[in-house]
Amino acid sequence: MPNHDCDGSFGAFLFGGLLGAAIALLLAPKTGEETREQIADWLEEGRRRTRDYLDEATAPDA
């Protein structure tokens, strides 16, 4: 039977993606206010998706 351990690969992938996004934001030709607003929007979207996922995962089966 195959072993499906990721050995942290997904975590490393996620970290790399977040790091790349942060670097891209820092190097983007935008004002600080625009960048902060964009980050706040992304964080709020992430929170919403996380809440939706957790609500779905913890909902009793119908």
Protein backbone atom coordinates (compact mmCIF):
# COMPACT_ATOMS: atom_id res chain seq x y z
CA MET A 1 0.00 0.00 0.00
CA PRO A 2 1.39 3.45 -0.85
CA ASN A 3 2.41 5.78 1.94
CA HIS A 4 0.72 9.17 1.59
CA ASP A 5 2.82 11.11 4.11
CA CYS A 6 3.61 14.55 2.79
CA ASP A 7 6.55 15.06 5.18
CA GLY A 8 5.74 18.77 5.38
CA SER A 9 5.73 19.24 1.62
CA PHE A 10 2.37 20.97 1.62
CA GLY A 11 3.41 23.28 4.45
CA ALA A 12 6.60 24.17 2.61
CA PHE A 13 4.62 24.79 -0.58
CA LEU A 14 2.16 27.03 1.26
CA PHE A 15 4.95 28.93 3.01
CA GLY A 16 6.76 29.46 -0.29
CA GLY A 17 3.61 30.77 -1.92
CA LEU A 18 2.97 33.20 0.91
CA LEU A 19 6.58 34.33 0.90
CA GLY A 20 6.48 34.91 -2.85
CA ALA A 21 3.26 36.88 -2.55
CA ALA A 22 4.73 39.03 0.22
CA ILE A 23 7.84 39.79 -1.84
CA ALA A 24 5.71 40.63 -4.87
CA LEU A 25 3.65 43.05 -2.77
CA LEU A 26 6.75 44.73 -1.40
CA LEU A 27 8.18 45.22 -4.88
CA ALA A 28 4.91 46.33 -6.50
CA PRO A 29 4.77 49.93 -7.74
CA LYS A 30 1.88 50.94 -5.46
CA THR A 31 1.52 53.33 -2.58
CA GLY A 32 1.68 51.94 0.93
CA GLU A 33 -1.99 52.68 1.46
CA GLU A 34 -2.98 50.71 -1.66
CA THR A 35 -0.77 47.80 -0.64
CA ARG A 36 -2.17 47.72 2.91
CA GLU A 37 -5.71 47.81 1.54
CA GLN A 38 -4.94 44.93 -0.82
CA ILE A 39 -3.40 42.87 2.00
CA ALA A 40 -6.43 43.56 4.22
CA ASP A 41 -8.76 42.44 1.41
CA TRP A 42 -6.77 39.22 0.89
CA LEU A 43 -6.75 38.48 4.63
CA GLU A 44 -10.49 39.05 4.90
CA GLU A 45 -11.10 36.74 1.93
CA GLY A 46 -8.88 34.11 3.58
CA ARG A 47 -10.80 34.44 6.84
CA ARG A 48 -14.10 34.08 5.02
CA ARG A 49 -12.93 30.99 3.15
CA THR A 50 -11.58 29.45 6.35
CA ARG A 51 -14.87 30.09 8.17
CA ASP A 52 -16.82 28.58 5.27
CA TYR A 53 -14.55 25.53 5.20
CA LEU A 54 -14.79 25.00 8.96
CA ASP A 55 -18.56 25.47 8.93
CA GLU A 56 -18.85 22.88 6.18
CA ALA A 57 -16.46 20.47 7.89
CA THR A 58 -18.20 20.68 11.26
CA ALA A 59 -21.80 20.72 10.00
CA PRO A 60 -23.82 17.64 10.88
CA ASP A 61 -24.56 15.44 7.91
CA ALA A 62 -28.02 16.02 6.49
